[in-house]
Amino acid sequence: MLGGNPGRFQHLGHASPTRRMTIEMEAQAIPSRHRREPWNKGKLIGQKPPLRPKHVWSIRTRLQMEGRTRDLAMFNLAIDSKLRGDYIVALWVEDVAPSGYAVDRAIVRRKKTVGTSDSS
């Protein structure tokens, strides 16, 4: 009610000129932050096309020439088993080579994840 009691309500219009200047001066005093560019700006997002056999062999060759045995073993396991990355990195040496001997076939059981509807 703006009409009855003049001291009770005030008109909420524009800020006074001195108040507006104070706000503008504060905004100028605060250093502007540089907006960081997202790390994946301009990159292909979503599902990627599968690796071709020539790409797989070039990666295997490069890892072997660089002497990166661990990375080569993990890459071979990932490609040959078609396991997801989170399963690969969660594996221990004992899972694939108990007592120091590599097994021909290993069984990896999928862990149940609570709260998702992923059924693959």
PDB file of N, CA and C in Angstrom:
ATOM      1  N   MET A   1       0.843  -1.177   0.000  1.00  0.00           N
ATOM      2  CA  MET A   1       0.000   0.000   0.000  1.00  0.00           C
ATOM      3  C   MET A   1       0.883   1.232   0.000  1.00  0.00           C
ATOM      4  N   LEU A   2       0.781   1.995  -1.022  1.00  0.00           N
ATOM      5  CA  LEU A   2       1.580   3.218  -1.101  1.00  0.00           C
ATOM      6  C   LEU A   2       0.799   4.446  -0.666  1.00  0.00           C
ATOM      7  N   GLY A   3      -0.516   4.344  -0.548  1.00  0.00           N
ATOM      8  CA  GLY A   3      -1.312   5.535  -0.317  1.00  0.00           C
ATOM      9  C   GLY A   3      -1.543   5.880   1.143  1.00  0.00           C
ATOM     10  N   GLY A   4      -1.865   4.925   2.045  1.00  0.00           N
ATOM     11  CA  GLY A   4      -2.335   5.211   3.389  1.00  0.00           C
ATOM     12  C   GLY A   4      -1.341   5.913   4.279  1.00  0.00           C
ATOM     13  N   ASN A   5      -0.275   5.274   4.670  1.00  0.00           N
ATOM     14  CA  ASN A   5       0.679   5.836   5.615  1.00  0.00           C
ATOM     15  C   ASN A   5       1.967   6.138   4.859  1.00  0.00           C
ATOM     16  N   PRO A   6       2.287   7.424   4.614  1.00  0.00           N
ATOM     17  CA  PRO A   6       3.439   7.759   3.769  1.00  0.00           C
ATOM     18  C   PRO A   6       4.781   7.363   4.360  1.00  0.00           C
ATOM     19  N   GLY A   7       4.940   7.253   5.659  1.00  0.00           N
ATOM     20  CA  GLY A   7       6.224   6.919   6.245  1.00  0.00           C
ATOM     21  C   GLY A   7       6.487   5.418   6.300  1.00  0.00           C
ATOM     22  N   ARG A   8       5.486   4.636   6.034  1.00  0.00           N
ATOM     23  CA  ARG A   8       5.607   3.204   6.216  1.00  0.00           C
ATOM     24  C   ARG A   8       6.216   2.495   5.012  1.00  0.00           C
ATOM     25  N   PHE A   9       5.880   2.859   3.806  1.00  0.00           N
ATOM     26  CA  PHE A   9       6.376   2.220   2.589  1.00  0.00           C
ATOM     27  C   PHE A   9       7.135   3.226   1.756  1.00  0.00           C
ATOM     28  N   GLN A  10       8.176   2.775   1.097  1.00  0.00           N
ATOM     29  CA  GLN A  10       8.926   3.650   0.201  1.00  0.00           C
ATOM     30  C   GLN A  10       8.831   3.103  -1.206  1.00  0.00           C
ATOM     31  N   HIS A  11       8.943   3.999  -2.126  1.00  0.00           N
ATOM     32  CA  HIS A  11       8.927   3.598  -3.537  1.00  0.00           C
ATOM     33  C   HIS A  11      10.287   2.972  -3.867  1.00  0.00           C
ATOM     34  N   LEU A  12      10.279   1.771  -4.413  1.00  0.00           N
ATOM     35  CA  LEU A  12      11.519   1.068  -4.734  1.00  0.00           C
ATOM     36  C   LEU A  12      11.873   1.305  -6.199  1.00  0.00           C
ATOM     37  N   GLY A  13      12.267   2.480  -6.520  1.00  0.00           N
ATOM     38  CA  GLY A  13      12.623   2.829  -7.896  1.00  0.00           C
ATOM     39  C   GLY A  13      14.108   2.663  -8.111  1.00  0.00           C
ATOM     40  N   HIS A  14      14.691   3.528  -8.890  1.00  0.00           N
ATOM     41  CA  HIS A  14      16.121   3.488  -9.191  1.00  0.00           C
ATOM     42  C   HIS A  14      16.941   3.942  -7.992  1.00  0.00           C
ATOM     43  N   ALA A  15      18.167   3.467  -7.917  1.00  0.00           N
ATOM     44  CA  ALA A  15      19.061   3.872  -6.837  1.00  0.00           C
ATOM     45  C   ALA A  15      19.430   5.334  -7.011  1.00  0.00           C
ATOM     46  N   SER A  16      19.728   5.972  -5.918  1.00  0.00           N
ATOM     47  CA  SER A  16      20.102   7.383  -5.981  1.00  0.00           C
ATOM     48  C   SER A  16      21.412   7.516  -6.754  1.00  0.00           C
ATOM     49  N   PRO A  17      21.682   8.696  -7.344  1.00  0.00           N
ATOM     50  CA  PRO A  17      22.919   8.862  -8.125  1.00  0.00           C
ATOM     51  C   PRO A  17      24.182   8.577  -7.320  1.00  0.00           C
ATOM     52  N   THR A  18      24.202   8.945  -6.034  1.00  0.00           N
ATOM     53  CA  THR A  18      25.402   8.675  -5.239  1.00  0.00           C
ATOM     54  C   THR A  18      25.560   7.181  -5.000  1.00  0.00           C
ATOM     55  N   ARG A  19      24.454   6.498  -4.772  1.00  0.00           N
ATOM     56  CA  ARG A  19      24.516   5.043  -4.567  1.00  0.00           C
ATOM     57  C   ARG A  19      24.984   4.366  -5.848  1.00  0.00           C
ATOM     58  N   ARG A  20      24.472   4.800  -6.994  1.00  0.00           N
ATOM     59  CA  ARG A  20      24.862   4.215  -8.271  1.00  0.00           C
ATOM     60  C   ARG A  20      26.355   4.426  -8.511  1.00  0.00           C
ATOM     61  N   MET A  21      26.871   5.586  -8.178  1.00  0.00           N
ATOM     62  CA  MET A  21      28.300   5.852  -8.373  1.00  0.00           C
ATOM     63  C   MET A  21      29.127   4.953  -7.461  1.00  0.00           C
ATOM     64  N   THR A  22      28.659   4.725  -6.245  1.00  0.00           N
ATOM     65  CA  THR A  22      29.390   3.877  -5.314  1.00  0.00           C
ATOM     66  C   THR A  22      29.485   2.450  -5.859  1.00  0.00           C
ATOM     67  N   ILE A  23      28.396   1.946  -6.400  1.00  0.00           N
ATOM     68  CA  ILE A  23      28.394   0.602  -6.955  1.00  0.00           C
ATOM     69  C   ILE A  23      29.349   0.524  -8.143  1.00  0.00           C
ATOM     70  N   GLU A  24      29.309   1.524  -9.013  1.00  0.00           N
ATOM     71  CA  GLU A  24      30.203   1.526 -10.178  1.00  0.00           C
ATOM     72  C   GLU A  24      31.666   1.614  -9.752  1.00  0.00           C
ATOM     73  N   MET A  25      31.942   2.419  -8.715  1.00  0.00           N
ATOM     74  CA  MET A  25      33.320   2.554  -8.243  1.00  0.00           C
ATOM     75  C   MET A  25      33.804   1.242  -7.625  1.00  0.00           C
ATOM     76  N   GLU A  26      32.935   0.528  -6.906  1.00  0.00           N
ATOM     77  CA  GLU A  26      33.309  -0.755  -6.326  1.00  0.00           C
ATOM     78  C   GLU A  26      33.585  -1.783  -7.419  1.00  0.00           C
ATOM     79  N   ALA A  27      32.773  -1.753  -8.464  1.00  0.00           N
ATOM     80  CA  ALA A  27      32.962  -2.700  -9.565  1.00  0.00           C
ATOM     81  C   ALA A  27      34.293  -2.451 -10.267  1.00  0.00           C
ATOM     82  N   GLN A  28      34.694  -1.202 -10.371  1.00  0.00           N
ATOM     83  CA  GLN A  28      35.979  -0.890 -11.003  1.00  0.00           C
ATOM     84  C   GLN A  28      37.144  -1.257 -10.097  1.00  0.00           C
ATOM     85  N   ALA A  29      36.949  -1.183  -8.795  1.00  0.00           N
ATOM     86  CA  ALA A  29      38.028  -1.476  -7.857  1.00  0.00           C
ATOM     87  C   ALA A  29      38.321  -2.973  -7.791  1.00  0.00           C
ATOM     88  N   ILE A  30      37.307  -3.808  -8.033  1.00  0.00           N
ATOM     89  CA  ILE A  30      37.505  -5.252  -7.984  1.00  0.00           C
ATOM     90  C   ILE A  30      38.180  -5.679  -9.281  1.00  0.00           C
ATOM     91  N   PRO A  31      39.334  -6.348  -9.198  1.00  0.00           N
ATOM     92  CA  PRO A  31      40.000  -6.768 -10.435  1.00  0.00           C
ATOM     93  C   PRO A  31      39.157  -7.802 -11.172  1.00  0.00           C
ATOM     94  N   SER A  32      39.065  -7.615 -12.451  1.00  0.00           N
ATOM     95  CA  SER A  32      38.262  -8.559 -13.242  1.00  0.00           C
ATOM     96  C   SER A  32      39.032  -9.862 -13.387  1.00  0.00           C
ATOM     97  N   ARG A  33      38.333 -10.952 -13.209  1.00  0.00           N
ATOM     98  CA  ARG A  33      38.957 -12.268 -13.345  1.00  0.00           C
ATOM     99  C   ARG A  33      38.945 -12.668 -14.801  1.00  0.00           C
ATOM    100  N   HIS A  34      40.049 -13.233 -15.216  1.00  0.00           N
ATOM    101  CA  HIS A  34      40.103 -13.739 -16.580  1.00  0.00           C
ATOM    102  C   HIS A  34      39.331 -15.047 -16.621  1.00  0.00           C
ATOM    103  N   ARG A  35      38.456 -15.123 -17.575  1.00  0.00           N
ATOM    104  CA  ARG A  35      37.649 -16.334 -17.696  1.00  0.00           C
ATOM    105  C   ARG A  35      38.487 -17.416 -18.355  1.00  0.00           C
ATOM    106  N   ARG A  36      38.630 -18.537 -17.668  1.00  0.00           N
ATOM    107  CA  ARG A  36      39.417 -19.637 -18.212  1.00  0.00           C
ATOM    108  C   ARG A  36      38.638 -20.362 -19.284  1.00  0.00           C
ATOM    109  N   GLU A  37      39.352 -20.779 -20.281  1.00  0.00           N
ATOM    110  CA  GLU A  37      38.742 -21.540 -21.357  1.00  0.00           C
ATOM    111  C   GLU A  37      38.618 -22.994 -20.937  1.00  0.00           C
ATOM    112  N   PRO A  38      37.494 -23.661 -21.223  1.00  0.00           N
ATOM    113  CA  PRO A  38      37.365 -25.075 -20.868  1.00  0.00           C
ATOM    114  C   PRO A  38      38.444 -25.913 -21.544  1.00  0.00           C
ATOM    115  N   TRP A  39      38.918 -26.954 -20.835  1.00  0.00           N
ATOM    116  CA  TRP A  39      40.017 -27.768 -21.365  1.00  0.00           C
ATOM    117  C   TRP A  39      39.597 -28.525 -22.609  1.00  0.00           C
ATOM    118  N   ASN A  40      38.311 -28.783 -22.772  1.00  0.00           N
ATOM    119  CA  ASN A  40      37.879 -29.574 -23.923  1.00  0.00           C
ATOM    120  C   ASN A  40      37.192 -28.729 -24.991  1.00  0.00           C
ATOM    121  N   LYS A  41      37.421 -27.419 -24.977  1.00  0.00           N
ATOM    122  CA  LYS A  41      36.807 -26.554 -25.978  1.00  0.00           C
ATOM    123  C   LYS A  41      37.378 -26.879 -27.358  1.00  0.00           C
ATOM    124  N   GLY A  42      36.504 -27.126 -28.292  1.00  0.00           N
ATOM    125  CA  GLY A  42      36.922 -27.428 -29.658  1.00  0.00           C
ATOM    126  C   GLY A  42      37.298 -28.878 -29.885  1.00  0.00           C
ATOM    127  N   LYS A  43      37.238 -29.692 -28.833  1.00  0.00           N
ATOM    128  CA  LYS A  43      37.603 -31.106 -28.980  1.00  0.00           C
ATOM    129  C   LYS A  43      36.356 -31.932 -29.249  1.00  0.00           C
ATOM    130  N   LEU A  44      36.576 -33.077 -29.844  1.00  0.00           N
ATOM    131  CA  LEU A  44      35.499 -34.004 -30.128  1.00  0.00           C
ATOM    132  C   LEU A  44      35.041 -34.642 -28.827  1.00  0.00           C
ATOM    133  N   ILE A  45      33.765 -34.463 -28.491  1.00  0.00           N
ATOM    134  CA  ILE A  45      33.244 -35.036 -27.263  1.00  0.00           C
ATOM    135  C   ILE A  45      32.280 -36.159 -27.609  1.00  0.00           C
ATOM    136  N   GLY A  46      31.995 -36.987 -26.630  1.00  0.00           N
ATOM    137  CA  GLY A  46      31.092 -38.102 -26.861  1.00  0.00           C
ATOM    138  C   GLY A  46      31.850 -39.359 -27.251  1.00  0.00           C
ATOM    139  N   GLN A  47      31.129 -40.305 -27.812  1.00  0.00           N
ATOM    140  CA  GLN A  47      31.731 -41.580 -28.170  1.00  0.00           C
ATOM    141  C   GLN A  47      32.689 -41.405 -29.341  1.00  0.00           C
ATOM    142  N   LYS A  48      33.849 -41.990 -29.220  1.00  0.00           N
ATOM    143  CA  LYS A  48      34.874 -41.901 -30.260  1.00  0.00           C
ATOM    144  C   LYS A  48      34.784 -43.119 -31.173  1.00  0.00           C
ATOM    145  N   PRO A  49      35.251 -42.982 -32.399  1.00  0.00           N
ATOM    146  CA  PRO A  49      35.258 -44.156 -33.274  1.00  0.00           C
ATOM    147  C   PRO A  49      36.271 -45.182 -32.761  1.00  0.00           C
ATOM    148  N   PRO A  50      36.022 -46.473 -33.012  1.00  0.00           N
ATOM    149  CA  PRO A  50      36.943 -47.496 -32.509  1.00  0.00           C
ATOM    150  C   PRO A  50      38.305 -47.422 -33.201  1.00  0.00           C
ATOM    151  N   LEU A  51      39.325 -47.919 -32.497  1.00  0.00           N
ATOM    152  CA  LEU A  51      40.664 -47.956 -33.086  1.00  0.00           C
ATOM    153  C   LEU A  51      40.695 -48.961 -34.232  1.00  0.00           C
ATOM    154  N   ARG A  52      41.400 -48.621 -35.278  1.00  0.00           N
ATOM    155  CA  ARG A  52      41.600 -49.553 -36.389  1.00  0.00           C
ATOM    156  C   ARG A  52      42.790 -50.435 -36.054  1.00  0.00           C
ATOM    157  N   PRO A  53      42.880 -51.618 -36.666  1.00  0.00           N
ATOM    158  CA  PRO A  53      44.012 -52.507 -36.370  1.00  0.00           C
ATOM    159  C   PRO A  53      45.374 -51.846 -36.591  1.00  0.00           C
ATOM    160  N   LYS A  54      45.496 -50.992 -37.598  1.00  0.00           N
ATOM    161  CA  LYS A  54      46.795 -50.342 -37.828  1.00  0.00           C
ATOM    162  C   LYS A  54      47.151 -49.388 -36.687  1.00  0.00           C
ATOM    163  N   HIS A  55      46.125 -48.750 -36.075  1.00  0.00           N
ATOM    164  CA  HIS A  55      46.392 -47.876 -34.931  1.00  0.00           C
ATOM    165  C   HIS A  55      46.822 -48.692 -33.715  1.00  0.00           C
ATOM    166  N   VAL A  56      46.150 -49.829 -33.504  1.00  0.00           N
ATOM    167  CA  VAL A  56      46.501 -50.700 -32.378  1.00  0.00           C
ATOM    168  C   VAL A  56      47.948 -51.162 -32.500  1.00  0.00           C
ATOM    169  N   TRP A  57      48.334 -51.596 -33.705  1.00  0.00           N
ATOM    170  CA  TRP A  57      49.702 -52.087 -33.888  1.00  0.00           C
ATOM    171  C   TRP A  57      50.728 -50.973 -33.783  1.00  0.00           C
ATOM    172  N   SER A  58      50.387 -49.771 -34.222  1.00  0.00           N
ATOM    173  CA  SER A  58      51.352 -48.671 -34.089  1.00  0.00           C
ATOM    174  C   SER A  58      51.542 -48.293 -32.619  1.00  0.00           C
ATOM    175  N   ILE A  59      50.465 -48.338 -31.832  1.00  0.00           N
ATOM    176  CA  ILE A  59      50.590 -48.057 -30.392  1.00  0.00           C
ATOM    177  C   ILE A  59      51.415 -49.142 -29.715  1.00  0.00           C
ATOM    178  N   ARG A  60      51.137 -50.410 -30.060  1.00  0.00           N
ATOM    179  CA  ARG A  60      51.907 -51.517 -29.475  1.00  0.00           C
ATOM    180  C   ARG A  60      53.383 -51.394 -29.816  1.00  0.00           C
ATOM    181  N   THR A  61      53.688 -51.073 -31.066  1.00  0.00           N
ATOM    182  CA  THR A  61      55.089 -50.939 -31.494  1.00  0.00           C
ATOM    183  C   THR A  61      55.782 -49.809 -30.759  1.00  0.00           C
ATOM    184  N   ARG A  62      55.110 -48.675 -30.641  1.00  0.00           N
ATOM    185  CA  ARG A  62      55.711 -47.520 -29.962  1.00  0.00           C
ATOM    186  C   ARG A  62      55.989 -47.835 -28.489  1.00  0.00           C
ATOM    187  N   LEU A  63      55.014 -48.456 -27.817  1.00  0.00           N
ATOM    188  CA  LEU A  63      55.219 -48.806 -26.405  1.00  0.00           C
ATOM    189  C   LEU A  63      56.363 -49.805 -26.243  1.00  0.00           C
ATOM    190  N   GLN A  64      56.470 -50.750 -27.170  1.00  0.00           N
ATOM    191  CA  GLN A  64      57.535 -51.750 -27.091  1.00  0.00           C
ATOM    192  C   GLN A  64      58.896 -51.112 -27.342  1.00  0.00           C
ATOM    193  N   MET A  65      58.989 -50.216 -28.325  1.00  0.00           N
ATOM    194  CA  MET A  65      60.271 -49.571 -28.636  1.00  0.00           C
ATOM    195  C   MET A  65      60.726 -48.650 -27.505  1.00  0.00           C
ATOM    196  N   GLU A  66      59.769 -48.047 -26.806  1.00  0.00           N
ATOM    197  CA  GLU A  66      60.116 -47.155 -25.698  1.00  0.00           C
ATOM    198  C   GLU A  66      60.377 -47.917 -24.400  1.00  0.00           C
ATOM    199  N   GLY A  67      60.185 -49.232 -24.426  1.00  0.00           N
ATOM    200  CA  GLY A  67      60.450 -50.045 -23.245  1.00  0.00           C
ATOM    201  C   GLY A  67      59.424 -49.875 -22.148  1.00  0.00           C
ATOM    202  N   ARG A  68      58.234 -49.479 -22.481  1.00  0.00           N
ATOM    203  CA  ARG A  68      57.169 -49.259 -21.492  1.00  0.00           C
ATOM    204  C   ARG A  68      56.369 -50.554 -21.330  1.00  0.00           C
ATOM    205  N   THR A  69      56.980 -51.519 -20.635  1.00  0.00           N
ATOM    206  CA  THR A  69      56.428 -52.862 -20.516  1.00  0.00           C
ATOM    207  C   THR A  69      55.079 -52.866 -19.797  1.00  0.00           C
ATOM    208  N   ARG A  70      54.999 -52.121 -18.720  1.00  0.00           N
ATOM    209  CA  ARG A  70      53.751 -52.083 -17.962  1.00  0.00           C
ATOM    210  C   ARG A  70      52.620 -51.524 -18.820  1.00  0.00           C
ATOM    211  N   ASP A  71      52.869 -50.411 -19.500  1.00  0.00           N
ATOM    212  CA  ASP A  71      51.846 -49.799 -20.342  1.00  0.00           C
ATOM    213  C   ASP A  71      51.460 -50.714 -21.497  1.00  0.00           C
ATOM    214  N   LEU A  72      52.441 -51.415 -22.061  1.00  0.00           N
ATOM    215  CA  LEU A  72      52.170 -52.349 -23.147  1.00  0.00           C
ATOM    216  C   LEU A  72      51.293 -53.500 -22.650  1.00  0.00           C
ATOM    217  N   ALA A  73      51.596 -54.020 -21.465  1.00  0.00           N
ATOM    218  CA  ALA A  73      50.793 -55.121 -20.913  1.00  0.00           C
ATOM    219  C   ALA A  73      49.362 -54.673 -20.645  1.00  0.00           C
ATOM    220  N   MET A  74      49.198 -53.476 -20.084  1.00  0.00           N
ATOM    221  CA  MET A  74      47.857 -52.979 -19.814  1.00  0.00           C
ATOM    222  C   MET A  74      47.094 -52.691 -21.108  1.00  0.00           C
ATOM    223  N   PHE A  75      47.791 -52.154 -22.105  1.00  0.00           N
ATOM    224  CA  PHE A  75      47.146 -51.882 -23.388  1.00  0.00           C
ATOM    225  C   PHE A  75      46.710 -53.184 -24.053  1.00  0.00           C
ATOM    226  N   ASN A  76      47.605 -54.172 -24.061  1.00  0.00           N
ATOM    227  CA  ASN A  76      47.250 -55.466 -24.654  1.00  0.00           C
ATOM    228  C   ASN A  76      46.068 -56.105 -23.929  1.00  0.00           C
ATOM    229  N   LEU A  77      46.076 -56.041 -22.608  1.00  0.00           N
ATOM    230  CA  LEU A  77      44.973 -56.600 -21.838  1.00  0.00           C
ATOM    231  C   LEU A  77      43.668 -55.879 -22.163  1.00  0.00           C
ATOM    232  N   ALA A  78      43.719 -54.566 -22.248  1.00  0.00           N
ATOM    233  CA  ALA A  78      42.517 -53.783 -22.537  1.00  0.00           C
ATOM    234  C   ALA A  78      41.967 -54.106 -23.923  1.00  0.00           C
ATOM    235  N   ILE A  79      42.838 -54.174 -24.922  1.00  0.00           N
ATOM    236  CA  ILE A  79      42.392 -54.443 -26.290  1.00  0.00           C
ATOM    237  C   ILE A  79      41.896 -55.878 -26.423  1.00  0.00           C
ATOM    238  N   ASP A  80      42.657 -56.818 -25.893  1.00  0.00           N
ATOM    239  CA  ASP A  80      42.308 -58.226 -26.074  1.00  0.00           C
ATOM    240  C   ASP A  80      41.088 -58.645 -25.258  1.00  0.00           C
ATOM    241  N   SER A  81      40.892 -58.048 -24.087  1.00  0.00           N
ATOM    242  CA  SER A  81      39.786 -58.456 -23.229  1.00  0.00           C
ATOM    243  C   SER A  81      38.525 -57.627 -23.451  1.00  0.00           C
ATOM    244  N   LYS A  82      38.679 -56.461 -24.066  1.00  0.00           N
ATOM    245  CA  LYS A  82      37.558 -55.532 -24.289  1.00  0.00           C
ATOM    246  C   LYS A  82      36.929 -55.063 -22.981  1.00  0.00           C
ATOM    247  N   LEU A  83      37.755 -55.010 -21.935  1.00  0.00           N
ATOM    248  CA  LEU A  83      37.267 -54.503 -20.653  1.00  0.00           C
ATOM    249  C   LEU A  83      37.253 -52.984 -20.671  1.00  0.00           C
ATOM    250  N   ARG A  84      36.407 -52.412 -19.834  1.00  0.00           N
ATOM    251  CA  ARG A  84      36.377 -50.956 -19.703  1.00  0.00           C
ATOM    252  C   ARG A  84      37.599 -50.492 -18.921  1.00  0.00           C
ATOM    253  N   GLY A  85      37.938 -49.234 -19.094  1.00  0.00           N
ATOM    254  CA  GLY A  85      39.132 -48.675 -18.468  1.00  0.00           C
ATOM    255  C   GLY A  85      39.141 -48.758 -16.963  1.00  0.00           C
ATOM    256  N   ASP A  86      37.975 -48.560 -16.321  1.00  0.00           N
ATOM    257  CA  ASP A  86      37.958 -48.605 -14.858  1.00  0.00           C
ATOM    258  C   ASP A  86      38.228 -50.005 -14.330  1.00  0.00           C
ATOM    259  N   TYR A  87      37.879 -51.037 -15.098  1.00  0.00           N
ATOM    260  CA  TYR A  87      38.202 -52.404 -14.693  1.00  0.00           C
ATOM    261  C   TYR A  87      39.689 -52.686 -14.881  1.00  0.00           C
ATOM    262  N   ILE A  88      40.264 -52.164 -15.942  1.00  0.00           N
ATOM    263  CA  ILE A  88      41.692 -52.389 -16.216  1.00  0.00           C
ATOM    264  C   ILE A  88      42.550 -51.785 -15.106  1.00  0.00           C
ATOM    265  N   VAL A  89      42.287 -50.537 -14.757  1.00  0.00           N
ATOM    266  CA  VAL A  89      43.130 -49.880 -13.758  1.00  0.00           C
ATOM    267  C   VAL A  89      42.905 -50.432 -12.357  1.00  0.00           C
ATOM    268  N   ALA A  90      41.783 -51.131 -12.132  1.00  0.00           N
ATOM    269  CA  ALA A  90      41.517 -51.712 -10.808  1.00  0.00           C
ATOM    270  C   ALA A  90      42.162 -53.087 -10.642  1.00  0.00           C
ATOM    271  N   LEU A  91      42.690 -53.665 -11.717  1.00  0.00           N
ATOM    272  CA  LEU A  91      43.301 -54.991 -11.637  1.00  0.00           C
ATOM    273  C   LEU A  91      44.637 -54.946 -10.915  1.00  0.00           C
ATOM    274  N   TRP A  92      44.939 -56.043 -10.234  1.00  0.00           N
ATOM    275  CA  TRP A  92      46.228 -56.221  -9.593  1.00  0.00           C
ATOM    276  C   TRP A  92      46.985 -57.298 -10.357  1.00  0.00           C
ATOM    277  N   VAL A  93      48.291 -57.362 -10.171  1.00  0.00           N
ATOM    278  CA  VAL A  93      49.106 -58.374 -10.839  1.00  0.00           C
ATOM    279  C   VAL A  93      48.610 -59.757 -10.454  1.00  0.00           C
ATOM    280  N   GLU A  94      48.250 -59.949  -9.203  1.00  0.00           N
ATOM    281  CA  GLU A  94      47.752 -61.244  -8.735  1.00  0.00           C
ATOM    282  C   GLU A  94      46.471 -61.675  -9.453  1.00  0.00           C
ATOM    283  N   ASP A  95      45.721 -60.720  -9.997  1.00  0.00           N
ATOM    284  CA  ASP A  95      44.487 -61.062 -10.711  1.00  0.00           C
ATOM    285  C   ASP A  95      44.776 -61.763 -12.031  1.00  0.00           C
ATOM    286  N   VAL A  96      45.866 -61.405 -12.674  1.00  0.00           N
ATOM    287  CA  VAL A  96      46.175 -61.980 -13.997  1.00  0.00           C
ATOM    288  C   VAL A  96      47.387 -62.904 -13.966  1.00  0.00           C
ATOM    289  N   ALA A  97      48.173 -62.840 -12.894  1.00  0.00           N
ATOM    290  CA  ALA A  97      49.345 -63.700 -12.780  1.00  0.00           C
ATOM    291  C   ALA A  97      49.505 -64.168 -11.343  1.00  0.00           C
ATOM    292  N   PRO A  98      48.632 -65.086 -10.897  1.00  0.00           N
ATOM    293  CA  PRO A  98      48.777 -65.570  -9.517  1.00  0.00           C
ATOM    294  C   PRO A  98      50.059 -66.374  -9.350  1.00  0.00           C
ATOM    295  N   SER A  99      50.722 -66.168  -8.258  1.00  0.00           N
ATOM    296  CA  SER A  99      51.994 -66.838  -7.938  1.00  0.00           C
ATOM    297  C   SER A  99      53.083 -66.539  -8.969  1.00  0.00           C
ATOM    298  N   GLY A 100      52.938 -65.442  -9.696  1.00  0.00           N
ATOM    299  CA  GLY A 100      53.973 -65.052 -10.655  1.00  0.00           C
ATOM    300  C   GLY A 100      53.851 -65.667 -12.031  1.00  0.00           C
ATOM    301  N   TYR A 101      52.845 -66.491 -12.254  1.00  0.00           N
ATOM    302  CA  TYR A 101      52.665 -67.128 -13.562  1.00  0.00           C
ATOM    303  C   TYR A 101      51.407 -66.586 -14.225  1.00  0.00           C
ATOM    304  N   ALA A 102      51.547 -66.127 -15.460  1.00  0.00           N
ATOM    305  CA  ALA A 102      50.398 -65.592 -16.189  1.00  0.00           C
ATOM    306  C   ALA A 102      49.431 -66.707 -16.545  1.00  0.00           C
ATOM    307  N   VAL A 103      48.167 -66.431 -16.416  1.00  0.00           N
ATOM    308  CA  VAL A 103      47.148 -67.414 -16.756  1.00  0.00           C
ATOM    309  C   VAL A 103      46.646 -67.159 -18.171  1.00  0.00           C
ATOM    310  N   ASP A 104      46.210 -68.227 -18.810  1.00  0.00           N
ATOM    311  CA  ASP A 104      45.704 -68.091 -20.174  1.00  0.00           C
ATOM    312  C   ASP A 104      44.359 -67.373 -20.198  1.00  0.00           C
ATOM    313  N   ARG A 105      43.541 -67.634 -19.197  1.00  0.00           N
ATOM    314  CA  ARG A 105      42.204 -67.045 -19.174  1.00  0.00           C
ATOM    315  C   ARG A 105      41.893 -66.619 -17.749  1.00  0.00           C
ATOM    316  N   ALA A 106      41.414 -65.400 -17.613  1.00  0.00           N
ATOM    317  CA  ALA A 106      41.026 -64.888 -16.291  1.00  0.00           C
ATOM    318  C   ALA A 106      39.570 -64.474 -16.346  1.00  0.00           C
ATOM    319  N   ILE A 107      38.892 -64.602 -15.233  1.00  0.00           N
ATOM    320  CA  ILE A 107      37.490 -64.206 -15.143  1.00  0.00           C
ATOM    321  C   ILE A 107      37.422 -62.931 -14.317  1.00  0.00           C
ATOM    322  N   VAL A 108      36.803 -61.906 -14.896  1.00  0.00           N
ATOM    323  CA  VAL A 108      36.617 -60.642 -14.194  1.00  0.00           C
ATOM    324  C   VAL A 108      35.129 -60.478 -13.975  1.00  0.00           C
ATOM    325  N   ARG A 109      34.729 -60.383 -12.719  1.00  0.00           N
ATOM    326  CA  ARG A 109      33.323 -60.198 -12.405  1.00  0.00           C
ATOM    327  C   ARG A 109      33.039 -58.729 -12.248  1.00  0.00           C
ATOM    328  N   ARG A 110      31.929 -58.342 -12.795  1.00  0.00           N
ATOM    329  CA  ARG A 110      31.535 -56.949 -12.737  1.00  0.00           C
ATOM    330  C   ARG A 110      30.974 -56.620 -11.370  1.00  0.00           C
ATOM    331  N   LYS A 111      31.398 -55.471 -10.829  1.00  0.00           N
ATOM    332  CA  LYS A 111      30.883 -55.038  -9.538  1.00  0.00           C
ATOM    333  C   LYS A 111      29.565 -54.309  -9.763  1.00  0.00           C
ATOM    334  N   LYS A 112      28.654 -54.508  -8.848  1.00  0.00           N
ATOM    335  CA  LYS A 112      27.375 -53.794  -8.939  1.00  0.00           C
ATOM    336  C   LYS A 112      27.584 -52.367  -8.482  1.00  0.00           C
ATOM    337  N   THR A 113      27.039 -51.445  -9.236  1.00  0.00           N
ATOM    338  CA  THR A 113      27.113 -50.041  -8.892  1.00  0.00           C
ATOM    339  C   THR A 113      25.726 -49.587  -8.445  1.00  0.00           C
ATOM    340  N   VAL A 114      25.645 -49.046  -7.263  1.00  0.00           N
ATOM    341  CA  VAL A 114      24.364 -48.616  -6.720  1.00  0.00           C
ATOM    342  C   VAL A 114      23.990 -47.274  -7.326  1.00  0.00           C
ATOM    343  N   GLY A 115      22.748 -47.163  -7.778  1.00  0.00           N
ATOM    344  CA  GLY A 115      22.251 -45.875  -8.234  1.00  0.00           C
ATOM    345  C   GLY A 115      22.342 -45.646  -9.723  1.00  0.00           C
ATOM    346  N   THR A 116      22.843 -46.578 -10.503  1.00  0.00           N
ATOM    347  CA  THR A 116      22.882 -46.389 -11.950  1.00  0.00           C
ATOM    348  C   THR A 116      22.057 -47.464 -12.615  1.00  0.00           C
ATOM    349  N   SER A 117      21.643 -47.192 -13.820  1.00  0.00           N
ATOM    350  CA  SER A 117      20.845 -48.177 -14.561  1.00  0.00           C
ATOM    351  C   SER A 117      21.647 -48.770 -15.698  1.00  0.00           C
ATOM    352  N   ASP A 118      22.990 -48.742 -15.584  1.00  0.00           N
ATOM    353  CA  ASP A 118      23.858 -49.307 -16.617  1.00  0.00           C
ATOM    354  C   ASP A 118      23.774 -50.819 -16.550  1.00  0.00           C
ATOM    355  N   SER A 119      23.306 -51.435 -17.628  1.00  0.00           N
ATOM    356  CA  SER A 119      23.147 -52.880 -17.625  1.00  0.00           C
ATOM    357  C   SER A 119      24.098 -53.571 -18.574  1.00  0.00           C
ATOM    358  N   SER A 120      25.112 -52.862 -19.061  1.00  0.00           N
ATOM    359  CA  SER A 120      26.053 -53.489 -20.001  1.00  0.00           C
ATOM    360  C   SER A 120      27.175 -54.178 -19.278  1.00  0.00           C
TER     361      SER A 120
END
